[in-house]
Amino acid sequence: MIQADRDLLLRLLSLPTAGPLETTAEVHLWEAMEVFASAAAGIGFRVAHLAAPEPSVLRRPDVPSVLHDVGPEFLACQPSLVLRLGPAEPAVMFNVHLDTVAPFEPEGFDGTRFHGRGAIDAKGPAVAVLAGIRAAVAADPAVGHEAGVLIQAVSGEEGGAMGTFGTRPLVEAGFHGGLNIFCEPTGLRNLPRCTAAMTASVRVDGDDAIDDERIEATTPRCCSGFSPSTSPPVSPHSARSAWRACTPVSCTTGSTAAANCCSTWPTTARSRRGP
């Protein structure tokens, strides 16, 4: 990794870019987009688009409900960027998102590993895309001349927005290629397709806990449409007992019944669908 790429990643990690769905703190996405575009210019990229989305993108029936009542300032602080190198066709497009989840974590590099919000998802991949394209341009004169390259650097991926005001408007505006690669941490696997997604909202009473830490608290427990008729078993290996402790309930999005979660129960108990 060259020094310029290391410095770029640390600079991006130093900017808090969690959006308004994640935090009430100041959002530095405009600055992050400009820093990224400046670095890409050194390879030969030019800015084809840098703007906040139009309010009309949220007036669609398939937009998540969390976006229905946001004000104009919500979109104003969440721009998206398109960079272009070479011709429009044929072209390959890379999509990365520079927004992150909250809370912000200070950036760092210990000589081996980067630390900070977005180091893996997805500021690190954004810097890796530039490094890869730089190497491709140096290795093959056709890259950027006979074949074009687009980079979408978007907002609106985290927090439940699901790309509806980041990626989708750019694709609909024609900023895509014959091959489109979305850069997300996959364990270096090539995933040639995606699935549909749904965001559920539940509300429960009690003390919360992060989902990968077992504590003695009134934690929300989810059992895929089942609620515990007795207390969850203490042993994580009591799958049969855990299953028998569940009875069917009527589940609707946002219902408290659907919020009875067995996150600390065995996977075999969570995945069952019948008595």
C-alpha atoms as a PDB file:
ATOM      1  CA  MET A   1       0.000   0.000   0.000  1.00  0.00           C
ATOM      2  CA  ILE A   2       1.529   3.296  -1.043  1.00  0.00           C
ATOM      3  CA  GLN A   3       1.723   6.253   1.326  1.00  0.00           C
ATOM      4  CA  ALA A   4      -0.827   8.291  -0.651  1.00  0.00           C
ATOM      5  CA  ASP A   5      -3.470   5.579  -0.272  1.00  0.00           C
ATOM      6  CA  ARG A   6      -2.710   5.202   3.423  1.00  0.00           C
ATOM      7  CA  ASP A   7      -3.058   8.942   3.941  1.00  0.00           C
ATOM      8  CA  LEU A   8      -6.300   9.039   1.942  1.00  0.00           C
ATOM      9  CA  LEU A   9      -7.897   6.285   3.984  1.00  0.00           C
ATOM     10  CA  LEU A  10      -6.889   7.875   7.277  1.00  0.00           C
ATOM     11  CA  ARG A  11      -8.283  11.211   6.085  1.00  0.00           C
ATOM     12  CA  LEU A  12     -11.601   9.634   5.122  1.00  0.00           C
ATOM     13  CA  LEU A  13     -11.751   7.747   8.426  1.00  0.00           C
ATOM     14  CA  SER A  14     -11.187  11.009  10.308  1.00  0.00           C
ATOM     15  CA  LEU A  15     -14.418  12.457   8.880  1.00  0.00           C
ATOM     16  CA  PRO A  16     -17.684  11.590  10.673  1.00  0.00           C
ATOM     17  CA  THR A  17     -19.974  10.564   7.815  1.00  0.00           C
ATOM     18  CA  ALA A  18     -22.848   8.814   9.568  1.00  0.00           C
ATOM     19  CA  GLY A  19     -26.051  10.263   8.095  1.00  0.00           C
ATOM     20  CA  PRO A  20     -29.062  11.740   9.893  1.00  0.00           C
ATOM     21  CA  LEU A  21     -30.738   8.327  10.138  1.00  0.00           C
ATOM     22  CA  GLU A  22     -27.806   7.229  12.300  1.00  0.00           C
ATOM     23  CA  THR A  23     -26.887  10.333  14.298  1.00  0.00           C
ATOM     24  CA  THR A  24     -27.827  13.894  15.252  1.00  0.00           C
ATOM     25  CA  ALA A  25     -24.178  14.986  15.021  1.00  0.00           C
ATOM     26  CA  GLU A  26     -22.750  17.023  12.152  1.00  0.00           C
ATOM     27  CA  VAL A  27     -22.460  15.109   8.868  1.00  0.00           C
ATOM     28  CA  HIS A  28     -19.237  15.560   6.856  1.00  0.00           C
ATOM     29  CA  LEU A  29     -20.226  13.781   3.657  1.00  0.00           C
ATOM     30  CA  TRP A  30     -19.629  16.806   1.400  1.00  0.00           C
ATOM     31  CA  GLU A  31     -16.060  17.032   2.644  1.00  0.00           C
ATOM     32  CA  ALA A  32     -15.535  13.282   2.245  1.00  0.00           C
ATOM     33  CA  MET A  33     -16.777  13.384  -1.357  1.00  0.00           C
ATOM     34  CA  GLU A  34     -14.442  16.267  -2.193  1.00  0.00           C
ATOM     35  CA  VAL A  35     -11.449  14.527  -0.593  1.00  0.00           C
ATOM     36  CA  PHE A  36     -12.174  11.358  -2.560  1.00  0.00           C
ATOM     37  CA  ALA A  37     -12.663  13.243  -5.835  1.00  0.00           C
ATOM     38  CA  SER A  38      -9.389  15.112  -5.363  1.00  0.00           C
ATOM     39  CA  ALA A  39      -7.505  11.836  -4.894  1.00  0.00           C
ATOM     40  CA  ALA A  40      -9.176  10.318  -7.971  1.00  0.00           C
ATOM     41  CA  ALA A  41      -8.170  13.329 -10.091  1.00  0.00           C
ATOM     42  CA  GLY A  42      -4.570  12.224  -9.753  1.00  0.00           C
ATOM     43  CA  ILE A  43      -5.442   9.098 -11.762  1.00  0.00           C
ATOM     44  CA  GLY A  44      -7.282  11.095 -14.411  1.00  0.00           C
ATOM     45  CA  PHE A  45     -10.876  10.969 -13.175  1.00  0.00           C
ATOM     46  CA  ARG A  46     -13.128  13.965 -13.677  1.00  0.00           C
ATOM     47  CA  VAL A  47     -16.251  14.790 -11.690  1.00  0.00           C
ATOM     48  CA  ALA A  48     -19.369  13.918 -13.712  1.00  0.00           C
ATOM     49  CA  HIS A  49     -21.805  14.576 -10.867  1.00  0.00           C
ATOM     50  CA  LEU A  50     -21.645  15.912  -7.310  1.00  0.00           C
ATOM     51  CA  ALA A  51     -24.921  16.966  -5.754  1.00  0.00           C
ATOM     52  CA  ALA A  52     -27.482  16.247  -3.084  1.00  0.00           C
ATOM     53  CA  PRO A  53     -30.491  14.294  -4.367  1.00  0.00           C
ATOM     54  CA  GLU A  54     -33.700  16.002  -5.404  1.00  0.00           C
ATOM     55  CA  PRO A  55     -36.616  15.795  -2.892  1.00  0.00           C
ATOM     56  CA  SER A  56     -38.673  13.949  -5.511  1.00  0.00           C
ATOM     57  CA  VAL A  57     -36.606  10.781  -4.977  1.00  0.00           C
ATOM     58  CA  LEU A  58     -38.384  10.286  -1.645  1.00  0.00           C
ATOM     59  CA  ARG A  59     -41.900  10.640  -3.110  1.00  0.00           C
ATOM     60  CA  ARG A  60     -42.120   7.058  -4.302  1.00  0.00           C
ATOM     61  CA  PRO A  61     -44.241   4.241  -2.885  1.00  0.00           C
ATOM     62  CA  ASP A  62     -41.302   1.881  -2.316  1.00  0.00           C
ATOM     63  CA  VAL A  63     -39.238   4.317  -0.227  1.00  0.00           C
ATOM     64  CA  PRO A  64     -38.784   3.058   3.366  1.00  0.00           C
ATOM     65  CA  SER A  65     -41.227   4.647   5.791  1.00  0.00           C
ATOM     66  CA  VAL A  66     -38.374   6.110   7.856  1.00  0.00           C
ATOM     67  CA  LEU A  67     -37.843   8.563   4.970  1.00  0.00           C
ATOM     68  CA  HIS A  68     -41.436   9.736   4.586  1.00  0.00           C
ATOM     69  CA  ASP A  69     -41.349  12.738   6.902  1.00  0.00           C
ATOM     70  CA  VAL A  70     -37.805  14.087   6.611  1.00  0.00           C
ATOM     71  CA  GLY A  71     -37.168  17.761   5.904  1.00  0.00           C
ATOM     72  CA  PRO A  72     -35.127  19.382   3.096  1.00  0.00           C
ATOM     73  CA  GLU A  73     -32.027  19.578   5.282  1.00  0.00           C
ATOM     74  CA  PHE A  74     -31.990  15.769   5.437  1.00  0.00           C
ATOM     75  CA  LEU A  75     -31.009  15.397   1.783  1.00  0.00           C
ATOM     76  CA  ALA A  76     -28.930  18.583   1.642  1.00  0.00           C
ATOM     77  CA  CYS A  77     -26.162  17.079   3.794  1.00  0.00           C
ATOM     78  CA  GLN A  78     -26.013  13.765   1.906  1.00  0.00           C
ATOM     79  CA  PRO A  79     -24.561  14.247  -1.583  1.00  0.00           C
ATOM     80  CA  SER A  80     -23.453  11.558  -3.992  1.00  0.00           C
ATOM     81  CA  LEU A  81     -20.517  11.678  -6.386  1.00  0.00           C
ATOM     82  CA  VAL A  82     -19.868  10.213  -9.835  1.00  0.00           C
ATOM     83  CA  LEU A  83     -16.345  10.100 -11.266  1.00  0.00           C
ATOM     84  CA  ARG A  84     -15.591   9.241 -14.890  1.00  0.00           C
ATOM     85  CA  LEU A  85     -12.426   8.100 -16.621  1.00  0.00           C
ATOM     86  CA  GLY A  86     -12.525   7.644 -20.388  1.00  0.00           C
ATOM     87  CA  PRO A  87     -15.502   6.966 -22.678  1.00  0.00           C
ATOM     88  CA  ALA A  88     -19.095   6.403 -21.605  1.00  0.00           C
ATOM     89  CA  GLU A  89     -19.250   3.076 -23.462  1.00  0.00           C
ATOM     90  CA  PRO A  90     -18.070   0.439 -22.982  1.00  0.00           C
ATOM     91  CA  ALA A  91     -17.531   1.018 -19.295  1.00  0.00           C
ATOM     92  CA  VAL A  92     -17.349  -0.680 -15.926  1.00  0.00           C
ATOM     93  CA  MET A  93     -18.924   0.977 -12.885  1.00  0.00           C
ATOM     94  CA  PHE A  94     -17.788   0.633  -9.273  1.00  0.00           C
ATOM     95  CA  ASN A  95     -20.183   1.644  -6.482  1.00  0.00           C
ATOM     96  CA  VAL A  96     -18.956   2.446  -2.970  1.00  0.00           C
ATOM     97  CA  HIS A  97     -20.664   4.270  -0.119  1.00  0.00           C
ATOM     98  CA  LEU A  98     -18.931   6.806   2.076  1.00  0.00           C
ATOM     99  CA  ASP A  99     -21.639   7.061   4.713  1.00  0.00           C
ATOM    100  CA  THR A 100     -21.234   4.874   7.788  1.00  0.00           C
ATOM    101  CA  VAL A 101     -23.134   3.739  10.817  1.00  0.00           C
ATOM    102  CA  ALA A 102     -22.769   5.537  14.147  1.00  0.00           C
ATOM    103  CA  PRO A 103     -21.163   6.143  16.581  1.00  0.00           C
ATOM    104  CA  PHE A 104     -17.985   7.725  15.247  1.00  0.00           C
ATOM    105  CA  GLU A 105     -14.708   6.030  16.159  1.00  0.00           C
ATOM    106  CA  PRO A 106     -11.289   7.722  15.909  1.00  0.00           C
ATOM    107  CA  GLU A 107      -9.093   6.678  13.014  1.00  0.00           C
ATOM    108  CA  GLY A 108      -5.805   4.850  13.465  1.00  0.00           C
ATOM    109  CA  PHE A 109      -3.176   2.664  11.808  1.00  0.00           C
ATOM    110  CA  ASP A 110      -0.879   0.403  13.834  1.00  0.00           C
ATOM    111  CA  GLY A 111       1.395  -0.540  10.958  1.00  0.00           C
ATOM    112  CA  THR A 112      -0.733  -3.522   9.999  1.00  0.00           C
ATOM    113  CA  ARG A 113      -4.387  -2.704  10.533  1.00  0.00           C
ATOM    114  CA  PHE A 114      -6.553   0.366  10.041  1.00  0.00           C
ATOM    115  CA  HIS A 115      -9.068   1.322  12.700  1.00  0.00           C
ATOM    116  CA  GLY A 116     -12.066   3.617  12.393  1.00  0.00           C
ATOM    117  CA  ARG A 117     -15.656   3.747  11.244  1.00  0.00           C
ATOM    118  CA  GLY A 118     -15.773   2.673   7.603  1.00  0.00           C
ATOM    119  CA  ALA A 119     -12.362   0.976   7.476  1.00  0.00           C
ATOM    120  CA  ILE A 120     -14.121  -2.124   6.122  1.00  0.00           C
ATOM    121  CA  ASP A 121     -17.550  -0.798   5.179  1.00  0.00           C
ATOM    122  CA  ALA A 122     -16.869   0.991   2.957  1.00  0.00           C
ATOM    123  CA  LYS A 123     -14.166   3.704   2.990  1.00  0.00           C
ATOM    124  CA  GLY A 124     -11.472   1.045   2.852  1.00  0.00           C
ATOM    125  CA  PRO A 125     -12.994  -0.501  -0.303  1.00  0.00           C
ATOM    126  CA  ALA A 126     -13.294   3.004  -1.812  1.00  0.00           C
ATOM    127  CA  VAL A 127      -9.551   3.555  -1.472  1.00  0.00           C
ATOM    128  CA  ALA A 128      -8.898   0.016  -2.738  1.00  0.00           C
ATOM    129  CA  VAL A 129     -10.927   0.790  -5.883  1.00  0.00           C
ATOM    130  CA  LEU A 130      -8.695   3.773  -6.657  1.00  0.00           C
ATOM    131  CA  ALA A 131      -5.563   1.707  -6.022  1.00  0.00           C
ATOM    132  CA  GLY A 132      -6.803  -1.052  -8.318  1.00  0.00           C
ATOM    133  CA  ILE A 133      -7.750   1.322 -11.115  1.00  0.00           C
ATOM    134  CA  ARG A 134      -4.405   3.105 -10.848  1.00  0.00           C
ATOM    135  CA  ALA A 135      -2.644  -0.240 -11.290  1.00  0.00           C
ATOM    136  CA  ALA A 136      -4.913  -1.204 -14.213  1.00  0.00           C
ATOM    137  CA  VAL A 137      -4.251   2.089 -16.004  1.00  0.00           C
ATOM    138  CA  ALA A 138      -0.505   1.565 -15.616  1.00  0.00           C
ATOM    139  CA  ALA A 139      -0.715  -2.030 -16.863  1.00  0.00           C
ATOM    140  CA  ASP A 140      -3.069  -1.572 -19.840  1.00  0.00           C
ATOM    141  CA  PRO A 141      -3.283   1.617 -21.960  1.00  0.00           C
ATOM    142  CA  ALA A 142      -6.814   0.649 -23.058  1.00  0.00           C
ATOM    143  CA  VAL A 143      -8.182   1.325 -19.544  1.00  0.00           C
ATOM    144  CA  GLY A 144      -9.550   4.849 -19.554  1.00  0.00           C
ATOM    145  CA  HIS A 145      -9.150   5.210 -23.314  1.00  0.00           C
ATOM    146  CA  GLU A 146     -10.868   2.355 -25.121  1.00  0.00           C
ATOM    147  CA  ALA A 147     -12.851   1.291 -22.043  1.00  0.00           C
ATOM    148  CA  GLY A 148     -14.294   3.744 -19.557  1.00  0.00           C
ATOM    149  CA  VAL A 149     -14.492   3.548 -15.777  1.00  0.00           C
ATOM    150  CA  LEU A 150     -17.180   5.058 -13.548  1.00  0.00           C
ATOM    151  CA  ILE A 151     -17.116   5.341  -9.774  1.00  0.00           C
ATOM    152  CA  GLN A 152     -20.265   6.052  -7.796  1.00  0.00           C
ATOM    153  CA  ALA A 153     -19.412   7.257  -4.271  1.00  0.00           C
ATOM    154  CA  VAL A 154     -22.788   7.488  -2.589  1.00  0.00           C
ATOM    155  CA  SER A 155     -24.613   8.455   0.571  1.00  0.00           C
ATOM    156  CA  GLY A 156     -27.794   6.847   1.833  1.00  0.00           C
ATOM    157  CA  GLU A 157     -26.644   3.254   2.149  1.00  0.00           C
ATOM    158  CA  GLU A 158     -26.722   2.936   5.938  1.00  0.00           C
ATOM    159  CA  GLY A 159     -29.495   3.626   8.428  1.00  0.00           C
ATOM    160  CA  GLY A 160     -32.275   1.891   6.492  1.00  0.00           C
ATOM    161  CA  ALA A 161     -32.340   4.160   3.422  1.00  0.00           C
ATOM    162  CA  MET A 162     -31.325   1.175   1.272  1.00  0.00           C
ATOM    163  CA  GLY A 163     -29.915   3.199  -1.604  1.00  0.00           C
ATOM    164  CA  THR A 164     -33.196   4.903  -2.460  1.00  0.00           C
ATOM    165  CA  PHE A 165     -31.724   8.427  -2.532  1.00  0.00           C
ATOM    166  CA  GLY A 166     -28.069   7.513  -3.188  1.00  0.00           C
ATOM    167  CA  THR A 167     -27.479   4.756  -5.711  1.00  0.00           C
ATOM    168  CA  ARG A 168     -30.886   4.547  -7.391  1.00  0.00           C
ATOM    169  CA  PRO A 169     -31.100   8.137  -8.697  1.00  0.00           C
ATOM    170  CA  LEU A 170     -27.593   7.813 -10.168  1.00  0.00           C
ATOM    171  CA  VAL A 171     -28.437   4.589 -11.986  1.00  0.00           C
ATOM    172  CA  GLU A 172     -31.672   6.104 -13.299  1.00  0.00           C
ATOM    173  CA  ALA A 173     -29.699   9.125 -14.540  1.00  0.00           C
ATOM    174  CA  GLY A 174     -27.576   6.801 -16.684  1.00  0.00           C
ATOM    175  CA  PHE A 175     -24.475   6.573 -14.505  1.00  0.00           C
ATOM    176  CA  HIS A 176     -23.854   2.844 -14.905  1.00  0.00           C
ATOM    177  CA  GLY A 177     -21.779   0.528 -17.046  1.00  0.00           C
ATOM    178  CA  GLY A 178     -22.019  -2.728 -18.936  1.00  0.00           C
ATOM    179  CA  LEU A 179     -20.501  -4.312 -15.823  1.00  0.00           C
ATOM    180  CA  ASN A 180     -21.475  -2.910 -12.417  1.00  0.00           C
ATOM    181  CA  ILE A 181     -19.554  -3.856  -9.293  1.00  0.00           C
ATOM    182  CA  PHE A 182     -20.800  -2.961  -5.819  1.00  0.00           C
ATOM    183  CA  CYS A 183     -17.934  -2.903  -3.332  1.00  0.00           C
ATOM    184  CA  GLU A 184     -18.951  -4.388   0.012  1.00  0.00           C
ATOM    185  CA  PRO A 185     -17.070  -6.687   2.425  1.00  0.00           C
ATOM    186  CA  THR A 186     -17.814 -10.246   1.220  1.00  0.00           C
ATOM    187  CA  GLY A 187     -14.793 -12.177   2.448  1.00  0.00           C
ATOM    188  CA  LEU A 188     -13.316 -11.841  -1.075  1.00  0.00           C
ATOM    189  CA  ARG A 189     -16.243 -13.775  -2.550  1.00  0.00           C
ATOM    190  CA  ASN A 190     -17.740 -12.785  -5.897  1.00  0.00           C
ATOM    191  CA  LEU A 191     -21.494 -12.485  -5.395  1.00  0.00           C
ATOM    192  CA  PRO A 192     -23.177 -12.208  -8.822  1.00  0.00           C
ATOM    193  CA  ARG A 193     -26.707 -11.594  -7.551  1.00  0.00           C
ATOM    194  CA  CYS A 194     -28.604 -10.044  -4.661  1.00  0.00           C
ATOM    195  CA  THR A 195     -31.855 -10.633  -2.808  1.00  0.00           C
ATOM    196  CA  ALA A 196     -34.723  -8.424  -1.779  1.00  0.00           C
ATOM    197  CA  ALA A 197     -34.613  -6.774   1.631  1.00  0.00           C
ATOM    198  CA  MET A 198     -37.091  -5.550   4.205  1.00  0.00           C
ATOM    199  CA  THR A 199     -36.554  -3.274   7.195  1.00  0.00           C
ATOM    200  CA  ALA A 200     -38.737  -3.997  10.222  1.00  0.00           C
ATOM    201  CA  SER A 201     -39.267  -1.634  13.135  1.00  0.00           C
ATOM    202  CA  VAL A 202     -40.008  -3.050  16.588  1.00  0.00           C
ATOM    203  CA  ARG A 203     -40.413  -1.418  20.000  1.00  0.00           C
ATOM    204  CA  VAL A 204     -39.855  -3.187  23.322  1.00  0.00           C
ATOM    205  CA  ASP A 205     -39.570  -2.189  26.960  1.00  0.00           C
ATOM    206  CA  GLY A 206     -36.471  -3.042  28.988  1.00  0.00           C
ATOM    207  CA  ASP A 207     -32.717  -2.607  29.044  1.00  0.00           C
ATOM    208  CA  ASP A 208     -31.007  -3.000  25.695  1.00  0.00           C
ATOM    209  CA  ALA A 209     -27.819  -4.856  24.738  1.00  0.00           C
ATOM    210  CA  ILE A 210     -25.756  -5.210  21.602  1.00  0.00           C
ATOM    211  CA  ASP A 211     -26.759  -8.294  19.631  1.00  0.00           C
ATOM    212  CA  ASP A 212     -23.429 -10.113  19.916  1.00  0.00           C
ATOM    213  CA  GLU A 213     -23.068  -9.739  23.690  1.00  0.00           C
ATOM    214  CA  ARG A 214     -25.022 -11.913  26.120  1.00  0.00           C
ATOM    215  CA  ILE A 215     -25.898 -10.074  29.319  1.00  0.00           C
ATOM    216  CA  GLU A 216     -28.304 -10.381  32.203  1.00  0.00           C
ATOM    217  CA  ALA A 217     -30.893  -7.893  30.982  1.00  0.00           C
ATOM    218  CA  THR A 218     -34.360  -7.629  29.517  1.00  0.00           C
ATOM    219  CA  THR A 219     -33.011  -7.949  25.999  1.00  0.00           C
ATOM    220  CA  PRO A 220     -35.317  -8.076  22.975  1.00  0.00           C
ATOM    221  CA  ARG A 221     -35.511 -11.655  21.736  1.00  0.00           C
ATOM    222  CA  CYS A 222     -36.803 -12.602  18.300  1.00  0.00           C
ATOM    223  CA  CYS A 223     -38.167 -16.024  17.364  1.00  0.00           C
ATOM    224  CA  SER A 224     -39.345 -15.560  13.745  1.00  0.00           C
ATOM    225  CA  GLY A 225     -43.021 -15.125  14.499  1.00  0.00           C
ATOM    226  CA  PHE A 226     -43.019 -17.016  17.804  1.00  0.00           C
ATOM    227  CA  SER A 227     -43.056 -15.713  21.341  1.00  0.00           C
ATOM    228  CA  PRO A 228     -41.727 -17.565  24.384  1.00  0.00           C
ATOM    229  CA  SER A 229     -44.478 -19.050  26.522  1.00  0.00           C
ATOM    230  CA  THR A 230     -41.899 -19.667  29.247  1.00  0.00           C
ATOM    231  CA  SER A 231     -38.550 -18.118  30.046  1.00  0.00           C
ATOM    232  CA  PRO A 232     -35.795 -18.902  27.515  1.00  0.00           C
ATOM    233  CA  PRO A 233     -33.624 -21.863  28.540  1.00  0.00           C
ATOM    234  CA  VAL A 234     -30.385 -21.045  30.309  1.00  0.00           C
ATOM    235  CA  SER A 235     -28.289 -23.548  28.351  1.00  0.00           C
ATOM    236  CA  PRO A 236     -27.487 -22.474  24.778  1.00  0.00           C
ATOM    237  CA  HIS A 237     -27.552 -26.160  23.825  1.00  0.00           C
ATOM    238  CA  SER A 238     -31.151 -26.783  24.855  1.00  0.00           C
ATOM    239  CA  ALA A 239     -32.517 -26.396  21.338  1.00  0.00           C
ATOM    240  CA  ARG A 240     -35.462 -28.735  21.801  1.00  0.00           C
ATOM    241  CA  SER A 241     -36.499 -27.037  25.042  1.00  0.00           C
ATOM    242  CA  ALA A 242     -36.122 -23.642  23.400  1.00  0.00           C
ATOM    243  CA  TRP A 243     -38.356 -24.684  20.549  1.00  0.00           C
ATOM    244  CA  ARG A 244     -41.056 -26.072  22.827  1.00  0.00           C
ATOM    245  CA  ALA A 245     -41.007 -22.797  24.760  1.00  0.00           C
ATOM    246  CA  CYS A 246     -42.217 -20.978  21.641  1.00  0.00           C
ATOM    247  CA  THR A 247     -45.852 -20.655  20.671  1.00  0.00           C
ATOM    248  CA  PRO A 248     -47.166 -19.031  17.474  1.00  0.00           C
ATOM    249  CA  VAL A 249     -48.210 -15.394  17.589  1.00  0.00           C
ATOM    250  CA  SER A 250     -49.643 -13.007  15.031  1.00  0.00           C
ATOM    251  CA  CYS A 251     -46.759 -10.863  13.782  1.00  0.00           C
ATOM    252  CA  THR A 252     -46.974  -7.501  12.081  1.00  0.00           C
ATOM    253  CA  THR A 253     -44.208  -5.025  11.379  1.00  0.00           C
ATOM    254  CA  GLY A 254     -43.684  -2.867  14.418  1.00  0.00           C
ATOM    255  CA  SER A 255     -45.731  -5.060  16.758  1.00  0.00           C
ATOM    256  CA  THR A 256     -44.474  -5.791  20.244  1.00  0.00           C
ATOM    257  CA  ALA A 257     -45.362  -9.449  19.698  1.00  0.00           C
ATOM    258  CA  ALA A 258     -42.825  -9.664  16.895  1.00  0.00           C
ATOM    259  CA  ALA A 259     -40.196  -8.259  19.216  1.00  0.00           C
ATOM    260  CA  ASN A 260     -39.971 -11.318  21.452  1.00  0.00           C
ATOM    261  CA  CYS A 261     -36.555 -12.381  20.182  1.00  0.00           C
ATOM    262  CA  CYS A 262     -34.473 -15.424  20.924  1.00  0.00           C
ATOM    263  CA  SER A 263     -31.154 -13.943  19.840  1.00  0.00           C
ATOM    264  CA  THR A 264     -29.387 -15.918  22.586  1.00  0.00           C
ATOM    265  CA  TRP A 265     -31.226 -19.130  21.794  1.00  0.00           C
ATOM    266  CA  PRO A 266     -29.706 -21.869  19.613  1.00  0.00           C
ATOM    267  CA  THR A 267     -29.800 -21.294  15.858  1.00  0.00           C
ATOM    268  CA  THR A 268     -31.757 -24.509  15.394  1.00  0.00           C
ATOM    269  CA  ALA A 269     -34.493 -23.119  17.599  1.00  0.00           C
ATOM    270  CA  ARG A 270     -34.591 -19.784  15.761  1.00  0.00           C
ATOM    271  CA  SER A 271     -34.811 -21.294  12.303  1.00  0.00           C
ATOM    272  CA  ARG A 272     -37.749 -23.638  12.882  1.00  0.00           C
ATOM    273  CA  ARG A 273     -41.098 -22.671  11.328  1.00  0.00           C
ATOM    274  CA  GLY A 274     -43.553 -25.277  12.635  1.00  0.00           C
ATOM    275  CA  PRO A 275     -44.439 -26.944  15.950  1.00  0.00           C
END
